[in-house]
């Protein structure tokens, strides 16, 4: 916090607040993980998802099969400790100092 004086009044402003929402994705492989469906960008900040076309729906269908996401980070097969350090540590610390924080799992 930084203290300001304006005449006889004192007031505080909070320093170091983040004004940007950050988006991360954590991908946890399972036994039947679909490796052929997910591609990670070399920059560790993008992910592409491709679903095979469902041939039961016919030749012409409007089923979307490709998605691309640009993120602040992709955590592939990351430990819980790494996820906390990368995503939650600053939010938790700022929340304890009185800032609003939000983590969506």
N, C-alpha and C. Protein backbone atom coordinates (compact mmCIF):
# COMPACT_ATOMS: atom_id res chain seq x y z
N UNK A 1 0.83 -1.17 0.00
CA UNK A 1 0.00 0.00 0.00
C UNK A 1 0.88 1.24 0.00
N UNK A 2 0.37 2.26 -0.60
CA UNK A 2 1.09 3.52 -0.66
C UNK A 2 0.23 4.60 -0.02
N UNK A 3 0.82 5.37 0.88
CA UNK A 3 0.10 6.40 1.60
C UNK A 3 0.21 7.73 0.84
N UNK A 4 -0.92 8.42 0.72
CA UNK A 4 -0.96 9.73 0.07
C UNK A 4 -1.50 10.74 1.07
N UNK A 5 -1.01 11.97 0.98
CA UNK A 5 -1.55 13.05 1.80
C UNK A 5 -2.18 14.08 0.87
N UNK A 6 -3.37 14.50 1.25
CA UNK A 6 -4.07 15.53 0.51
C UNK A 6 -4.63 16.50 1.55
N UNK A 7 -3.87 17.56 1.86
CA UNK A 7 -4.26 18.47 2.93
C UNK A 7 -4.13 17.74 4.26
N UNK A 8 -5.19 17.73 5.03
CA UNK A 8 -5.18 17.03 6.31
C UNK A 8 -5.62 15.58 6.20
N UNK A 9 -6.04 15.16 5.02
CA UNK A 9 -6.56 13.80 4.84
C UNK A 9 -5.45 12.87 4.36
N UNK A 10 -5.50 11.65 4.84
CA UNK A 10 -4.60 10.61 4.36
C UNK A 10 -5.45 9.50 3.76
N UNK A 11 -4.97 8.95 2.67
CA UNK A 11 -5.67 7.81 2.11
C UNK A 11 -4.64 6.85 1.52
N UNK A 12 -5.06 5.62 1.32
CA UNK A 12 -4.18 4.56 0.84
C UNK A 12 -4.66 4.05 -0.51
N UNK A 13 -3.72 3.71 -1.34
CA UNK A 13 -4.05 3.03 -2.59
C UNK A 13 -3.28 1.71 -2.61
N UNK A 14 -3.88 0.73 -3.19
CA UNK A 14 -3.24 -0.59 -3.28
C UNK A 14 -2.32 -0.60 -4.48
N UNK A 15 -1.17 -1.20 -4.30
CA UNK A 15 -0.19 -1.26 -5.38
C UNK A 15 -0.05 -2.70 -5.86
N UNK A 16 0.32 -2.87 -7.10
CA UNK A 16 0.60 -4.19 -7.64
C UNK A 16 -0.64 -4.98 -8.02
N UNK A 17 -1.77 -4.31 -8.19
CA UNK A 17 -2.97 -5.05 -8.57
C UNK A 17 -2.88 -5.42 -10.05
N UNK A 18 -3.41 -6.57 -10.36
CA UNK A 18 -3.45 -7.01 -11.75
C UNK A 18 -4.82 -6.68 -12.31
N UNK A 19 -4.85 -6.16 -13.49
CA UNK A 19 -6.12 -5.79 -14.09
C UNK A 19 -6.50 -6.74 -15.22
N UNK A 20 -5.69 -7.73 -15.50
CA UNK A 20 -5.93 -8.66 -16.59
C UNK A 20 -6.35 -10.01 -16.03
N UNK A 21 -7.32 -10.61 -16.66
CA UNK A 21 -7.71 -11.97 -16.32
C UNK A 21 -6.78 -12.91 -17.07
N UNK A 22 -6.22 -13.86 -16.36
CA UNK A 22 -5.32 -14.83 -16.97
C UNK A 22 -6.05 -16.15 -17.16
N UNK A 23 -5.79 -16.81 -18.28
CA UNK A 23 -6.43 -18.09 -18.57
C UNK A 23 -5.37 -19.16 -18.78
N UNK A 24 -5.49 -20.24 -18.02
CA UNK A 24 -4.61 -21.39 -18.12
C UNK A 24 -5.47 -22.63 -18.31
N UNK A 25 -4.89 -23.64 -18.90
CA UNK A 25 -5.56 -24.94 -18.99
C UNK A 25 -4.59 -25.99 -18.48
N UNK A 26 -5.13 -26.90 -17.68
CA UNK A 26 -4.34 -28.02 -17.19
C UNK A 26 -4.89 -29.28 -17.82
N UNK A 27 -4.02 -30.04 -18.47
CA UNK A 27 -4.42 -31.28 -19.13
C UNK A 27 -3.77 -32.43 -18.37
N UNK A 28 -4.61 -33.30 -17.84
CA UNK A 28 -4.11 -34.44 -17.06
C UNK A 28 -4.38 -35.72 -17.85
N UNK A 29 -3.34 -36.35 -18.37
CA UNK A 29 -3.54 -37.59 -19.11
C UNK A 29 -4.13 -38.70 -18.25
N UNK A 30 -4.95 -39.51 -18.86
CA UNK A 30 -5.52 -40.68 -18.20
C UNK A 30 -5.11 -41.93 -18.97
N UNK A 31 -5.57 -43.09 -18.54
CA UNK A 31 -5.23 -44.33 -19.24
C UNK A 31 -5.73 -44.33 -20.67
N UNK A 32 -6.89 -43.75 -20.91
CA UNK A 32 -7.45 -43.72 -22.27
C UNK A 32 -7.38 -42.31 -22.87
N UNK A 33 -6.32 -41.61 -22.57
CA UNK A 33 -6.12 -40.24 -23.04
C UNK A 33 -6.02 -40.21 -24.56
N UNK A 34 -6.70 -39.26 -25.18
CA UNK A 34 -6.77 -39.17 -26.64
C UNK A 34 -5.63 -38.31 -27.18
N UNK A 35 -4.46 -38.89 -27.32
CA UNK A 35 -3.28 -38.15 -27.80
C UNK A 35 -3.48 -37.61 -29.21
N UNK A 36 -4.23 -38.32 -30.04
CA UNK A 36 -4.41 -37.87 -31.42
C UNK A 36 -5.37 -36.69 -31.53
N UNK A 37 -6.07 -36.36 -30.46
CA UNK A 37 -7.05 -35.27 -30.51
C UNK A 37 -6.49 -33.93 -30.06
N UNK A 38 -5.41 -33.93 -29.30
CA UNK A 38 -4.90 -32.69 -28.71
C UNK A 38 -3.48 -32.42 -29.18
N UNK A 39 -3.24 -31.20 -29.63
CA UNK A 39 -1.91 -30.75 -30.04
C UNK A 39 -1.58 -29.49 -29.24
N UNK A 40 -0.36 -29.45 -28.73
CA UNK A 40 0.10 -28.30 -27.94
C UNK A 40 1.02 -27.44 -28.80
N UNK A 41 0.88 -26.13 -28.66
CA UNK A 41 1.76 -25.22 -29.38
C UNK A 41 3.16 -25.24 -28.79
N UNK A 42 4.15 -24.97 -29.61
CA UNK A 42 5.54 -24.93 -29.15
C UNK A 42 5.75 -23.82 -28.12
N UNK A 43 4.91 -22.81 -28.15
CA UNK A 43 5.04 -21.68 -27.23
C UNK A 43 4.47 -21.97 -25.84
N UNK A 44 3.88 -23.15 -25.63
CA UNK A 44 3.26 -23.54 -24.35
C UNK A 44 2.13 -22.58 -23.95
N UNK A 45 1.54 -21.93 -24.98
CA UNK A 45 0.46 -20.98 -24.72
C UNK A 45 -0.73 -21.21 -25.64
N UNK A 46 -0.73 -22.29 -26.39
CA UNK A 46 -1.85 -22.57 -27.27
C UNK A 46 -2.12 -24.07 -27.30
N UNK A 47 -3.37 -24.39 -27.58
CA UNK A 47 -3.78 -25.78 -27.64
C UNK A 47 -4.81 -25.91 -28.76
N UNK A 48 -4.69 -26.96 -29.55
CA UNK A 48 -5.63 -27.25 -30.63
C UNK A 48 -6.28 -28.59 -30.33
N UNK A 49 -7.59 -28.64 -30.51
CA UNK A 49 -8.35 -29.86 -30.28
C UNK A 49 -9.05 -30.23 -31.57
N UNK A 50 -8.90 -31.49 -31.98
CA UNK A 50 -9.52 -31.99 -33.20
C UNK A 50 -10.30 -33.26 -32.88
N UNK A 51 -11.59 -33.23 -33.21
CA UNK A 51 -12.42 -34.42 -33.05
C UNK A 51 -12.67 -35.03 -34.43
N UNK A 52 -12.64 -36.33 -34.50
CA UNK A 52 -12.95 -36.99 -35.78
C UNK A 52 -14.41 -36.77 -36.11
N UNK A 53 -14.67 -36.62 -37.39
CA UNK A 53 -16.04 -36.40 -37.84
C UNK A 53 -16.86 -37.66 -37.61
N UNK A 54 -18.06 -37.46 -37.12
CA UNK A 54 -18.97 -38.57 -36.85
C UNK A 54 -19.66 -38.97 -38.16
N UNK A 55 -19.26 -40.08 -38.74
CA UNK A 55 -19.80 -40.49 -40.04
C UNK A 55 -21.27 -40.91 -39.96
N UNK A 56 -21.76 -41.18 -38.76
CA UNK A 56 -23.17 -41.53 -38.60
C UNK A 56 -24.08 -40.34 -38.87
N UNK A 57 -23.54 -39.14 -38.82
CA UNK A 57 -24.35 -37.94 -39.07
C UNK A 57 -24.43 -37.58 -40.54
N UNK A 58 -23.80 -38.36 -41.40
CA UNK A 58 -23.89 -38.13 -42.83
C UNK A 58 -22.75 -37.29 -43.37
N UNK A 59 -22.72 -37.14 -44.68
CA UNK A 59 -21.66 -36.40 -45.35
C UNK A 59 -21.75 -34.91 -45.03
N UNK A 60 -22.94 -34.36 -45.04
CA UNK A 60 -23.13 -32.95 -44.75
C UNK A 60 -23.65 -32.82 -43.32
N UNK A 61 -22.85 -32.26 -42.46
CA UNK A 61 -23.32 -31.94 -41.11
C UNK A 61 -22.59 -30.70 -40.63
N UNK A 62 -23.14 -30.06 -39.69
CA UNK A 62 -22.57 -28.82 -39.19
C UNK A 62 -21.83 -29.02 -37.88
N UNK A 63 -21.35 -30.19 -37.67
CA UNK A 63 -20.65 -30.50 -36.44
C UNK A 63 -19.27 -29.85 -36.46
N UNK A 64 -18.97 -29.06 -35.45
CA UNK A 64 -17.65 -28.45 -35.35
C UNK A 64 -16.67 -29.52 -34.89
N UNK A 65 -15.52 -29.60 -35.55
CA UNK A 65 -14.55 -30.64 -35.19
C UNK A 65 -13.21 -30.08 -34.76
N UNK A 66 -12.99 -28.78 -34.94
CA UNK A 66 -11.69 -28.19 -34.59
C UNK A 66 -11.88 -26.97 -33.70
N UNK A 67 -11.05 -26.88 -32.66
CA UNK A 67 -11.02 -25.73 -31.77
C UNK A 67 -9.57 -25.35 -31.54
N UNK A 68 -9.31 -24.07 -31.47
CA UNK A 68 -7.97 -23.56 -31.15
C UNK A 68 -8.12 -22.52 -30.03
N UNK A 69 -7.24 -22.62 -29.05
CA UNK A 69 -7.29 -21.70 -27.92
C UNK A 69 -5.92 -21.10 -27.69
N UNK A 70 -5.88 -19.78 -27.52
CA UNK A 70 -4.67 -19.06 -27.13
C UNK A 70 -4.84 -18.70 -25.66
N UNK A 71 -3.87 -19.06 -24.85
CA UNK A 71 -3.99 -18.91 -23.41
C UNK A 71 -2.74 -18.24 -22.85
N UNK A 72 -2.77 -17.99 -21.55
CA UNK A 72 -1.58 -17.50 -20.88
C UNK A 72 -0.63 -18.64 -20.55
N UNK A 73 -1.14 -19.86 -20.57
CA UNK A 73 -0.28 -21.01 -20.31
C UNK A 73 -1.03 -22.32 -20.43
N UNK A 74 -0.33 -23.33 -20.89
CA UNK A 74 -0.85 -24.69 -20.96
C UNK A 74 0.00 -25.54 -20.03
N UNK A 75 -0.64 -26.18 -19.07
CA UNK A 75 0.06 -27.02 -18.10
C UNK A 75 -0.29 -28.47 -18.42
N UNK A 76 0.59 -29.11 -19.16
CA UNK A 76 0.36 -30.50 -19.56
C UNK A 76 1.06 -31.43 -18.58
N UNK A 77 0.28 -32.31 -17.98
CA UNK A 77 0.81 -33.30 -17.04
C UNK A 77 1.61 -32.61 -15.92
N UNK A 78 1.08 -31.50 -15.43
CA UNK A 78 1.77 -30.71 -14.40
C UNK A 78 1.36 -31.19 -13.01
N UNK A 79 2.29 -31.10 -12.08
CA UNK A 79 2.01 -31.47 -10.69
C UNK A 79 1.11 -30.41 -10.05
N UNK A 80 0.48 -30.79 -8.95
CA UNK A 80 -0.36 -29.85 -8.22
C UNK A 80 0.47 -28.67 -7.71
N UNK A 81 1.71 -28.94 -7.29
CA UNK A 81 2.58 -27.86 -6.82
C UNK A 81 2.88 -26.86 -7.93
N UNK A 82 3.16 -27.36 -9.14
CA UNK A 82 3.45 -26.46 -10.26
C UNK A 82 2.21 -25.64 -10.63
N UNK A 83 1.04 -26.26 -10.60
CA UNK A 83 -0.19 -25.53 -10.90
C UNK A 83 -0.40 -24.41 -9.88
N UNK A 84 -0.20 -24.71 -8.61
CA UNK A 84 -0.36 -23.70 -7.57
C UNK A 84 0.63 -22.55 -7.76
N UNK A 85 1.89 -22.89 -7.96
CA UNK A 85 2.92 -21.85 -8.14
C UNK A 85 2.64 -20.98 -9.36
N UNK A 86 2.16 -21.58 -10.45
CA UNK A 86 1.95 -20.87 -11.70
C UNK A 86 0.66 -20.06 -11.71
N UNK A 87 -0.40 -20.64 -11.16
CA UNK A 87 -1.73 -20.06 -11.33
C UNK A 87 -2.28 -19.42 -10.06
N UNK A 88 -2.17 -20.10 -8.93
CA UNK A 88 -2.93 -19.69 -7.76
C UNK A 88 -2.17 -18.88 -6.73
N UNK A 89 -0.88 -19.02 -6.66
CA UNK A 89 -0.11 -18.41 -5.57
C UNK A 89 -0.34 -16.91 -5.45
N UNK A 90 -0.25 -16.17 -6.55
CA UNK A 90 -0.45 -14.72 -6.51
C UNK A 90 -1.89 -14.36 -6.15
N UNK A 91 -2.86 -15.12 -6.68
CA UNK A 91 -4.26 -14.83 -6.39
C UNK A 91 -4.55 -15.03 -4.91
N UNK A 92 -4.05 -16.13 -4.34
CA UNK A 92 -4.26 -16.40 -2.92
C UNK A 92 -3.59 -15.33 -2.07
N UNK A 93 -2.37 -14.98 -2.41
CA UNK A 93 -1.65 -13.95 -1.66
C UNK A 93 -2.38 -12.62 -1.70
N UNK A 94 -2.84 -12.23 -2.86
CA UNK A 94 -3.56 -10.96 -2.99
C UNK A 94 -4.90 -11.01 -2.27
N UNK A 95 -5.58 -12.16 -2.29
CA UNK A 95 -6.85 -12.29 -1.56
C UNK A 95 -6.63 -12.11 -0.07
N UNK A 96 -5.52 -12.64 0.44
CA UNK A 96 -5.22 -12.47 1.86
C UNK A 96 -4.87 -11.03 2.21
N UNK A 97 -4.48 -10.25 1.20
CA UNK A 97 -4.18 -8.84 1.41
C UNK A 97 -5.37 -7.94 1.09
N UNK A 98 -6.54 -8.53 0.87
CA UNK A 98 -7.74 -7.74 0.69
C UNK A 98 -8.21 -7.53 -0.74
N UNK A 99 -7.54 -8.12 -1.71
CA UNK A 99 -7.96 -7.98 -3.09
C UNK A 99 -8.98 -9.05 -3.44
N UNK A 100 -9.80 -8.78 -4.42
CA UNK A 100 -10.69 -9.81 -4.94
C UNK A 100 -9.88 -10.77 -5.79
N UNK A 101 -10.17 -12.04 -5.66
CA UNK A 101 -9.48 -13.05 -6.45
C UNK A 101 -10.46 -14.14 -6.83
N UNK A 102 -10.20 -14.79 -7.97
CA UNK A 102 -11.10 -15.84 -8.42
C UNK A 102 -10.30 -16.90 -9.17
N UNK A 103 -10.47 -18.13 -8.77
CA UNK A 103 -9.89 -19.27 -9.46
C UNK A 103 -11.03 -20.18 -9.86
N UNK A 104 -11.09 -20.58 -11.10
CA UNK A 104 -12.11 -21.50 -11.57
C UNK A 104 -11.44 -22.81 -11.89
N UNK A 105 -11.95 -23.86 -11.32
CA UNK A 105 -11.35 -25.18 -11.53
C UNK A 105 -12.17 -25.94 -12.51
